[in-house]
Amino acid sequence: MISVCFITILQLSVAGGAAGILFLYVERWLYGKIPSKYIVWLNTLVLLTFIIPFFSIPMMRDGSYDSFYSDTLIVMTGKTEIQEKFYDMISQKDISNQIIAVWLIGMVLYFVYEISYYTYTIKTIKRGIFLSETIWQRVLDEVQQELNVTKKISIHGKIDAAQPCTIGIFKHYILIPSVLINQLNETEIRAILRHECMHLKRNDVLLKSAMQVLGCLNWFNPLFAIVRNSLYDWIEVGCDEELTEKFTKEEKKTYIKVLLKLTEEKRKMKRFGFAAGFGERKNTLDRRIKYIMNENKKRNVLGKIVITAFLLFTMPVSSVAAKNMDVVLHSIFLENVEFVDIDHFKVNEDGSAEITVVVEESHYIGDIKESTRILEAGEETAEPRHTHNKVNTTLEKHLKYSNGSCEIIVYNVDYCAGCDTYWNHGVVSSKKYKKCPH
């Protein structure tokens, strides 16, 4: 079962990687041309290809799943050069189980770390400064009513917060860096709390938390982290754009001044992965300012066209990329799947299949000298004056095949040390290995 899950994760990683590369390529072209909310949707869809197996639809339609998980299966395929190298690298070392173990351990450690860090952060928030009965609480109540945010929110000061941010899945907390609590005027406080409440209205905190935890599945794939960080940046841009959409030009300038002020403050402080904040990475600042000041209202039509075109192109491409890896991955990580080259596979006229296995190497395990002779039972050597002192023992024969598999055959033999001769009395046992471990 774990092998099946790991195969799916690898295919998801391939599908997501293909979609991620396409997204990162078109992201620069989309910058400034469509509303940021559409880029957030695109970015989220790309991350979902790392998590949801869309490629399973064509696999179910062509019967791949039923074939791979049946008791016995021989896969006939012509491997590409990349597939061949990948398959040989894994199968020759027989490290498939070790790879699965490393992924599983990494996933568990990642998940435990994220949950532990979130729990620890919530506990430290509750021990911090509660800003009730302050100007912060009064402005928060007014902003919640203004934006029609009905969720229960508590506001706290936190000494190590990088910038104002919102955290919490079931109960929501707005965190204010302690150094800012008494340094901002009411206009600046209102700008900050509007931004944080807009995050809650848009469910940005829930989206970021989900992506942070689901990253445990693809912890080994740096492209997932790159696309996820891109999403976090675009979430901030989208929040700014939606919040300031009906602002006057002067209100937008005031909002940008607060953004610039807090950007300088947050560089030396800590940030939280589960939180949606007033600011994130410094390199997104220009992007946020551009979208705040952009007044082009005709970009929605283009945004819908781009979303549709991207979906129609990217989903099939990513599914095909993942589907093309199914044979290699299943043959490596499932014991019931064998990899047979098409040149060694023949279908007879009566419909039966015939497999030709080519032996690349045949030798005997042990210290076998060039003078060693192996005779059939009853056959004698050419030394009539030699009296054989036979000892009954076993001899192992190692056969290695061109498809990477091998076979160990154990023979019952009599052995004469005087003339270094074996007499074969037949096969005792044999064992086949899907991937040669010797």
Protein backbone atom coordinates (compact mmCIF):
# COMPACT_ATOMS: atom_id res chain seq x y z
CA MET A 1 0.00 0.00 0.00
CA ILE A 2 2.85 2.40 0.85
CA SER A 3 4.48 1.62 -2.50
CA VAL A 4 1.25 2.52 -4.30
CA CYS A 5 1.03 5.82 -2.40
CA PHE A 6 4.65 6.66 -3.17
CA ILE A 7 4.18 5.93 -6.88
CA THR A 8 1.19 8.30 -6.88
CA ILE A 9 3.25 10.99 -5.10
CA LEU A 10 6.02 10.71 -7.69
CA GLN A 11 3.52 11.01 -10.52
CA LEU A 12 1.93 13.99 -8.76
CA SER A 13 5.38 15.53 -8.47
CA VAL A 14 5.94 15.07 -12.21
CA ALA A 15 2.49 16.49 -13.08
CA GLY A 16 2.89 19.41 -10.70
CA GLY A 17 6.40 20.05 -11.93
CA ALA A 18 5.21 20.30 -15.53
CA ALA A 19 2.36 22.63 -14.54
CA GLY A 20 4.67 24.67 -12.29
CA ILE A 21 7.25 25.26 -15.01
CA LEU A 22 4.53 26.42 -17.41
CA PHE A 23 3.06 28.73 -14.77
CA LEU A 24 6.41 30.29 -13.86
CA TYR A 25 7.04 30.85 -17.58
CA VAL A 26 3.75 32.68 -18.22
CA GLU A 27 3.66 34.45 -14.84
CA ARG A 28 5.95 37.24 -16.05
CA TRP A 29 3.83 37.77 -19.12
CA LEU A 30 0.67 37.98 -17.00
CA TYR A 31 2.20 40.53 -14.62
CA GLY A 32 0.16 43.72 -14.79
CA LYS A 33 -2.09 42.47 -17.60
CA ILE A 34 -4.80 40.72 -15.59
CA PRO A 35 -6.14 41.21 -12.04
CA SER A 36 -4.05 39.51 -9.39
CA LYS A 37 -6.98 37.37 -8.22
CA TYR A 38 -6.80 35.40 -11.48
CA ILE A 39 -3.08 34.78 -10.98
CA VAL A 40 -3.84 33.58 -7.44
CA TRP A 41 -6.40 31.14 -8.88
CA LEU A 42 -3.90 29.91 -11.47
CA ASN A 43 -1.20 29.53 -8.85
CA THR A 44 -3.56 27.57 -6.59
CA LEU A 45 -4.58 25.27 -9.46
CA VAL A 46 -0.93 24.54 -10.22
CA LEU A 47 -0.30 23.60 -6.57
CA LEU A 48 -3.36 21.35 -6.65
CA THR A 49 -1.74 19.35 -9.48
CA PHE A 50 0.92 18.41 -6.89
CA ILE A 51 -1.85 17.09 -4.63
CA ILE A 52 -4.81 15.87 -6.73
CA PRO A 53 -4.11 13.04 -9.25
CA PHE A 54 -5.83 14.46 -12.32
CA PHE A 55 -3.75 12.04 -14.41
CA SER A 56 -5.71 9.14 -12.89
CA ILE A 57 -8.62 9.89 -15.24
CA PRO A 58 -6.81 8.68 -18.41
CA MET A 59 -5.27 5.81 -16.43
CA MET A 60 -8.70 4.61 -15.35
CA ARG A 61 -10.04 4.95 -18.88
CA ASP A 62 -7.27 2.88 -20.49
CA GLY A 63 -7.28 0.24 -17.74
CA SER A 64 -3.80 1.03 -16.43
CA TYR A 65 -4.82 0.91 -12.77
CA ASP A 66 -6.49 -2.50 -13.09
CA SER A 67 -3.44 -3.88 -14.92
CA PHE A 68 -0.81 -2.54 -12.54
CA TYR A 69 -2.52 -3.81 -9.41
CA SER A 70 -3.41 -7.28 -10.66
CA ASP A 71 -1.54 -10.27 -9.21
CA THR A 72 0.61 -10.97 -12.25
CA LEU A 73 1.58 -8.59 -14.99
CA ILE A 74 4.17 -8.34 -17.72
CA VAL A 75 4.61 -4.86 -19.12
CA MET A 76 5.62 -4.59 -22.75
CA THR A 77 7.21 -1.27 -23.56
CA GLY A 78 9.92 0.47 -25.45
CA LYS A 79 11.75 2.62 -22.91
CA THR A 80 12.94 6.11 -23.74
CA GLU A 81 16.55 7.01 -22.99
CA ILE A 82 15.55 8.94 -19.84
CA GLN A 83 13.31 6.10 -18.64
CA GLU A 84 16.08 3.59 -19.31
CA LYS A 85 18.65 5.52 -17.28
CA PHE A 86 16.26 6.12 -14.39
CA TYR A 87 15.14 2.50 -14.35
CA ASP A 88 18.69 1.13 -14.49
CA MET A 89 19.89 3.53 -11.77
CA ILE A 90 17.22 2.33 -9.33
CA SER A 91 16.97 -1.34 -10.29
CA GLN A 92 20.69 -2.09 -10.37
CA LYS A 93 21.11 -0.91 -6.79
CA ASP A 94 17.75 -2.29 -5.64
CA ILE A 95 17.17 0.79 -3.48
CA SER A 96 13.46 1.24 -4.12
CA ASN A 97 12.54 0.33 -0.54
CA GLN A 98 15.15 2.72 0.82
CA ILE A 99 13.79 5.55 -1.33
CA ILE A 100 10.26 4.93 -0.05
CA ALA A 101 11.53 4.88 3.53
CA VAL A 102 13.36 8.20 3.10
CA TRP A 103 10.24 9.84 1.62
CA LEU A 104 8.03 8.47 4.40
CA ILE A 105 10.38 9.62 7.16
CA GLY A 106 10.73 13.05 5.55
CA MET A 107 6.96 13.41 5.21
CA VAL A 108 6.33 12.50 8.87
CA LEU A 109 9.07 14.82 10.14
CA TYR A 110 7.81 17.67 7.96
CA PHE A 111 4.22 17.21 9.12
CA VAL A 112 5.17 16.92 12.80
CA TYR A 113 7.34 20.03 12.55
CA GLU A 114 4.62 22.15 10.92
CA ILE A 115 1.91 21.08 13.37
CA SER A 116 4.23 21.47 16.37
CA TYR A 117 5.35 24.91 15.23
CA TYR A 118 1.75 26.03 14.68
CA THR A 119 0.70 24.75 18.12
CA TYR A 120 3.69 26.43 19.76
CA THR A 121 2.94 29.73 18.00
CA ILE A 122 -0.71 29.73 19.16
CA LYS A 123 0.40 29.05 22.75
CA THR A 124 2.89 31.92 22.69
CA ILE A 125 0.24 34.25 21.26
CA LYS A 126 -2.08 33.54 24.20
CA ARG A 127 0.75 34.40 26.60
CA GLY A 128 1.42 37.68 24.80
CA ILE A 129 -0.13 41.13 25.08
CA PHE A 130 -3.90 41.19 24.58
CA LEU A 131 -4.82 44.53 22.96
CA SER A 132 -8.42 44.72 24.13
CA GLU A 133 -9.63 48.10 25.39
CA THR A 134 -7.06 49.88 23.20
CA ILE A 135 -7.30 51.93 20.03
CA TRP A 136 -6.39 48.78 18.12
CA GLN A 137 -9.50 46.96 19.37
CA ARG A 138 -11.76 49.95 18.69
CA VAL A 139 -10.50 50.32 15.11
CA LEU A 140 -10.74 46.56 14.58
CA ASP A 141 -14.42 46.60 15.55
CA GLU A 142 -15.07 49.45 13.10
CA VAL A 143 -13.16 47.72 10.26
CA GLN A 144 -14.98 44.42 10.79
CA GLN A 145 -18.27 46.22 10.46
CA GLU A 146 -17.07 48.18 7.42
CA LEU A 147 -15.88 45.04 5.55
CA ASN A 148 -18.70 42.83 6.87
CA VAL A 149 -16.28 40.36 8.48
CA THR A 150 -18.28 38.41 11.05
CA LYS A 151 -15.52 36.04 12.21
CA LYS A 152 -14.39 36.22 15.81
CA ILE A 153 -10.98 37.90 15.96
CA SER A 154 -8.72 38.71 18.88
CA ILE A 155 -5.79 41.09 18.55
CA HIS A 156 -2.45 40.57 20.30
CA GLY A 157 0.98 42.11 20.48
CA LYS A 158 3.91 39.77 19.81
CA ILE A 159 7.52 40.66 20.38
CA ASP A 160 9.01 38.48 17.60
CA ALA A 161 6.41 39.03 14.86
CA ALA A 162 7.92 40.26 11.58
CA GLN A 163 4.93 42.37 10.61
CA PRO A 164 1.21 42.60 11.34
CA CYS A 165 -0.28 39.26 10.31
CA THR A 166 -3.26 36.99 10.83
CA ILE A 167 -3.01 33.40 11.98
CA GLY A 168 -5.44 30.74 13.17
CA ILE A 169 -7.58 28.10 11.51
CA PHE A 170 -10.41 27.73 14.03
CA LYS A 171 -9.91 30.89 16.06
CA HIS A 172 -8.35 33.92 14.39
CA TYR A 173 -5.60 36.10 15.83
CA ILE A 174 -4.22 39.35 14.46
CA LEU A 175 -0.62 39.79 15.60
CA ILE A 176 0.99 43.21 15.92
CA PRO A 177 4.76 43.55 16.45
CA SER A 178 5.26 44.90 19.96
CA VAL A 179 7.51 47.70 18.69
CA LEU A 180 4.62 49.09 16.59
CA ILE A 181 1.85 49.08 19.16
CA ASN A 182 2.48 52.66 20.33
CA GLN A 183 4.23 54.03 17.24
CA LEU A 184 1.38 54.22 14.70
CA ASN A 185 -1.41 56.74 14.32
CA GLU A 186 -5.06 55.83 13.79
CA THR A 187 -4.84 56.13 9.98
CA GLU A 188 -1.96 53.66 9.88
CA ILE A 189 -3.69 51.31 12.31
CA ARG A 190 -6.82 51.36 10.17
CA ALA A 191 -4.83 50.54 7.01
CA ILE A 192 -3.19 47.57 8.72
CA LEU A 193 -6.41 46.16 10.18
CA ARG A 194 -8.29 46.60 6.91
CA HIS A 195 -5.64 44.49 5.22
CA GLU A 196 -5.76 41.76 7.88
CA CYS A 197 -9.55 41.60 7.90
CA MET A 198 -9.56 41.38 4.10
CA HIS A 199 -7.30 38.32 4.40
CA LEU A 200 -9.90 36.69 6.64
CA LYS A 201 -12.75 37.68 4.33
CA ARG A 202 -10.93 36.08 1.38
CA ASN A 203 -9.98 32.95 3.41
CA ASP A 204 -6.31 33.54 2.64
CA VAL A 205 -5.22 32.23 6.04
CA LEU A 206 -6.97 28.91 5.46
CA LEU A 207 -5.45 28.60 1.96
CA LYS A 208 -1.91 29.30 3.20
CA SER A 209 -2.29 26.89 6.11
CA ALA A 210 -3.51 24.12 3.81
CA MET A 211 -0.62 24.60 1.38
CA GLN A 212 1.87 24.73 4.24
CA VAL A 213 0.72 21.35 5.60
CA LEU A 214 0.20 19.67 2.22
CA GLY A 215 3.78 20.51 1.37
CA CYS A 216 4.72 17.43 3.42
CA LEU A 217 3.74 15.22 0.46
CA ASN A 218 6.19 16.92 -1.92
CA TRP A 219 8.83 17.96 0.61
CA PHE A 220 11.56 16.64 -1.72
CA ASN A 221 10.49 18.72 -4.72
CA PRO A 222 11.93 22.28 -4.64
CA LEU A 223 9.57 23.34 -7.42
CA PHE A 224 6.60 22.91 -5.07
CA ALA A 225 8.19 25.32 -2.60
CA ILE A 226 8.96 27.83 -5.37
CA VAL A 227 5.38 27.80 -6.68
CA ARG A 228 3.99 27.94 -3.13
CA ASN A 229 6.12 31.01 -2.29
CA SER A 230 4.85 32.59 -5.48
CA LEU A 231 1.30 31.97 -4.28
CA TYR A 232 2.05 33.63 -0.95
CA ASP A 233 3.34 36.72 -2.77
CA TRP A 234 0.32 36.90 -5.06
CA ILE A 235 -2.04 36.49 -2.09
CA GLU A 236 -0.63 39.71 -0.65
CA VAL A 237 -0.94 41.48 -4.00
CA GLY A 238 -4.52 40.24 -4.40
CA CYS A 239 -5.48 41.36 -0.92
CA ASP A 240 -4.08 44.85 -1.55
CA GLU A 241 -5.78 45.15 -4.93
CA GLU A 242 -9.20 44.06 -3.69
CA LEU A 243 -9.00 46.22 -0.57
CA THR A 244 -7.95 49.41 -2.39
CA GLU A 245 -10.17 48.91 -5.44
CA LYS A 246 -12.56 51.70 -4.38
CA PHE A 247 -9.98 53.90 -2.67
CA THR A 248 -9.32 57.41 -3.88
CA LYS A 249 -5.87 58.22 -5.22
CA GLU A 250 -4.94 59.91 -1.95
CA GLU A 251 -6.14 56.94 0.11
CA LYS A 252 -4.03 54.63 -2.03
CA LYS A 253 -0.95 56.81 -1.47
CA THR A 254 -1.53 56.74 2.29
CA TYR A 255 -1.88 52.97 2.18
CA ILE A 256 1.39 52.64 0.24
CA LYS A 257 3.22 54.84 2.78
CA VAL A 258 2.14 52.48 5.57
CA LEU A 259 3.27 49.51 3.46
CA LEU A 260 6.71 51.07 2.92
CA LYS A 261 7.06 51.89 6.61
CA LEU A 262 6.27 48.36 7.73
CA THR A 263 8.49 46.79 5.07
CA GLU A 264 11.51 48.40 6.71
CA GLU A 265 10.47 47.25 10.18
CA LYS A 266 9.85 43.61 9.32
CA ARG A 267 13.20 42.73 7.72
CA LYS A 268 14.83 41.89 11.07
CA MET A 269 11.91 40.02 12.61
CA LYS A 270 10.41 36.52 12.37
CA ARG A 271 7.70 35.45 9.89
CA PHE A 272 5.15 32.65 10.27
CA GLY A 273 4.35 30.12 7.52
CA PHE A 274 0.71 29.72 8.56
CA ALA A 275 0.06 33.48 8.68
CA ALA A 276 -1.18 35.96 6.11
CA GLY A 277 0.51 39.28 6.80
CA PHE A 278 0.52 42.92 5.84
CA GLY A 279 3.78 42.33 4.02
CA GLU A 280 5.90 39.40 3.00
CA ARG A 281 9.07 39.33 0.93
CA LYS A 282 10.71 42.62 -0.01
CA ASN A 283 10.97 41.75 -3.71
CA THR A 284 7.16 41.82 -4.00
CA LEU A 285 6.87 45.44 -2.93
CA ASP A 286 7.04 46.94 -6.44
CA ARG A 287 4.47 44.42 -7.64
CA ARG A 288 2.07 45.32 -4.82
CA ILE A 289 2.41 49.06 -5.42
CA LYS A 290 1.82 48.65 -9.16
CA TYR A 291 -1.39 46.69 -8.62
CA ILE A 292 -2.63 49.14 -5.98
CA MET A 293 -2.24 52.08 -8.35
CA ASN A 294 -3.51 50.26 -11.47
CA GLU A 295 -6.94 51.58 -12.44
CA ASN A 296 -7.50 49.55 -15.61
CA LYS A 297 -10.91 47.89 -15.12
CA LYS A 298 -11.00 46.10 -18.48
CA ARG A 299 -8.62 43.31 -17.53
CA ASN A 300 -11.26 40.92 -16.17
CA VAL A 301 -12.20 39.59 -19.62
CA LEU A 302 -8.56 38.85 -20.42
CA GLY A 303 -8.17 37.20 -17.03
CA LYS A 304 -11.03 34.79 -17.69
CA ILE A 305 -9.63 33.96 -21.13
CA VAL A 306 -6.19 33.26 -19.66
CA ILE A 307 -7.64 31.04 -16.92
CA THR A 308 -9.60 29.00 -19.46
CA ALA A 309 -6.70 28.68 -21.92
CA PHE A 310 -4.25 27.73 -19.18
CA LEU A 311 -6.56 25.03 -17.86
CA LEU A 312 -7.26 23.58 -21.31
CA PHE A 313 -3.54 23.38 -22.08
CA THR A 314 -1.83 22.74 -18.75
CA MET A 315 -4.06 20.03 -17.29
CA PRO A 316 -3.66 17.70 -20.31
CA VAL A 317 0.09 18.39 -20.55
CA SER A 318 0.72 17.67 -16.86
CA SER A 319 -1.48 14.55 -17.02
CA VAL A 320 0.44 13.21 -20.04
CA ALA A 321 3.76 13.90 -18.30
CA ALA A 322 2.66 11.90 -15.25
CA LYS A 323 1.07 9.15 -17.36
CA ASN A 324 4.31 8.62 -19.28
CA MET A 325 6.07 7.72 -16.03
CA ASP A 326 3.55 5.08 -14.94
CA VAL A 327 5.26 2.03 -16.49
CA VAL A 328 8.75 2.82 -15.15
CA LEU A 329 7.57 3.76 -11.65
CA HIS A 330 5.25 0.78 -11.25
CA SER A 331 7.86 -1.64 -12.54
CA ILE A 332 10.42 -0.32 -10.05
CA PHE A 333 8.31 -0.06 -6.92
CA LEU A 334 5.77 -2.89 -7.36
CA GLU A 335 6.86 -6.52 -7.12
CA ASN A 336 4.12 -7.85 -9.43
CA VAL A 337 5.16 -5.69 -12.40
CA GLU A 338 7.92 -6.88 -14.71
CA PHE A 339 9.66 -4.74 -17.32
CA VAL A 340 10.06 -6.63 -20.59
CA ASP A 341 11.64 -4.99 -23.63
CA ILE A 342 9.48 -5.08 -26.73
CA ASP A 343 12.28 -6.81 -28.68
CA HIS A 344 12.01 -9.81 -26.36
CA PHE A 345 8.22 -10.10 -26.60
CA LYS A 346 6.48 -12.12 -29.29
CA VAL A 347 2.79 -12.91 -29.85
CA ASN A 348 2.21 -16.28 -31.50
CA GLU A 349 -0.47 -17.05 -34.10
CA ASP A 350 -2.63 -18.78 -31.50
CA GLY A 351 -2.65 -15.61 -29.38
CA SER A 352 -0.22 -16.86 -26.76
CA ALA A 353 2.70 -14.69 -25.69
CA GLU A 354 6.32 -15.75 -25.77
CA ILE A 355 9.14 -14.01 -23.91
CA THR A 356 12.75 -14.48 -24.89
CA VAL A 357 15.13 -13.78 -22.02
CA VAL A 358 18.73 -13.19 -23.02
CA VAL A 359 21.40 -14.27 -20.54
CA GLU A 360 24.11 -11.64 -20.35
CA GLU A 361 26.25 -13.31 -17.72
CA SER A 362 26.50 -16.78 -16.22
CA HIS A 363 28.93 -17.81 -13.52
CA TYR A 364 29.26 -19.81 -10.34
CA ILE A 365 29.30 -18.24 -6.93
CA GLY A 366 32.34 -19.25 -4.88
CA ASP A 367 36.00 -19.91 -5.49
CA ILE A 368 35.77 -21.75 -8.83
CA LYS A 369 39.09 -22.41 -10.53
CA GLU A 370 39.70 -22.69 -14.25
CA SER A 371 40.51 -26.41 -13.78
CA THR A 372 37.15 -27.09 -12.10
CA ARG A 373 34.97 -29.59 -13.94
CA ILE A 374 31.25 -30.12 -13.58
CA LEU A 375 29.99 -33.52 -14.71
CA GLU A 376 26.59 -35.12 -14.78
CA ALA A 377 25.90 -37.91 -12.26
CA GLY A 378 27.58 -41.19 -13.37
CA GLU A 379 30.02 -39.44 -15.69
CA GLU A 380 33.69 -40.14 -14.90
CA THR A 381 36.88 -38.17 -15.39
CA ALA A 382 39.81 -39.22 -17.59
CA GLU A 383 42.14 -40.12 -14.66
CA PRO A 384 41.67 -43.92 -14.25
CA ARG A 385 44.30 -44.22 -11.48
CA HIS A 386 42.67 -41.50 -9.31
CA THR A 387 40.34 -42.59 -6.50
CA HIS A 388 37.70 -39.93 -5.93
CA ASN A 389 36.98 -38.83 -2.40
CA LYS A 390 33.46 -37.44 -2.93
CA VAL A 391 31.72 -35.15 -0.44
CA ASN A 392 28.05 -34.28 -0.88
CA THR A 393 27.42 -30.50 -0.91
CA THR A 394 25.57 -27.78 -2.82
CA LEU A 395 26.60 -25.36 -5.54
CA GLU A 396 24.93 -22.05 -6.40
CA LYS A 397 24.65 -20.80 -9.95
CA HIS A 398 23.95 -17.11 -10.65
CA LEU A 399 22.17 -16.17 -13.89
CA LYS A 400 21.85 -12.49 -14.74
CA TYR A 401 19.38 -11.43 -17.44
CA SER A 402 19.23 -8.45 -19.76
CA ASN A 403 16.07 -7.04 -18.15
CA GLY A 404 17.94 -6.50 -14.87
CA SER A 405 16.56 -9.57 -13.12
CA CYS A 406 18.55 -12.61 -12.01
CA GLU A 407 18.15 -16.17 -10.76
CA ILE A 408 20.02 -18.21 -8.16
CA ILE A 409 19.87 -21.99 -8.80
CA VAL A 410 21.10 -24.35 -6.06
CA TYR A 411 22.31 -27.80 -7.22
CA ASN A 412 22.88 -30.97 -5.20
CA VAL A 413 26.44 -32.09 -6.04
CA ASP A 414 29.22 -34.46 -5.04
CA TYR A 415 32.60 -32.77 -4.83
CA CYS A 416 36.07 -34.28 -5.07
CA ALA A 417 38.76 -31.92 -3.78
CA GLY A 418 41.52 -34.13 -5.19
CA CYS A 419 40.67 -33.38 -8.83
CA ASP A 420 38.44 -30.32 -8.24
CA THR A 421 35.38 -31.92 -9.85
CA TYR A 422 31.63 -31.61 -9.21
CA TRP A 423 28.99 -34.23 -10.09
CA ASN A 424 25.56 -32.67 -10.58
CA HIS A 425 22.61 -34.60 -9.07
CA GLY A 426 19.90 -32.08 -9.93
CA VAL A 427 18.32 -28.81 -8.76
CA VAL A 428 17.57 -28.39 -5.06
CA SER A 429 15.97 -24.93 -5.28
CA SER A 430 15.87 -21.76 -7.34
CA LYS A 431 15.00 -18.17 -6.55
CA LYS A 432 14.32 -15.31 -8.95
CA TYR A 433 14.98 -11.63 -8.19
CA LYS A 434 13.10 -8.94 -10.03
CA LYS A 435 16.11 -6.63 -9.66
CA CYS A 436 19.52 -8.25 -9.26
CA PRO A 437 20.89 -7.39 -5.80
CA HIS A 438 24.22 -9.16 -6.28
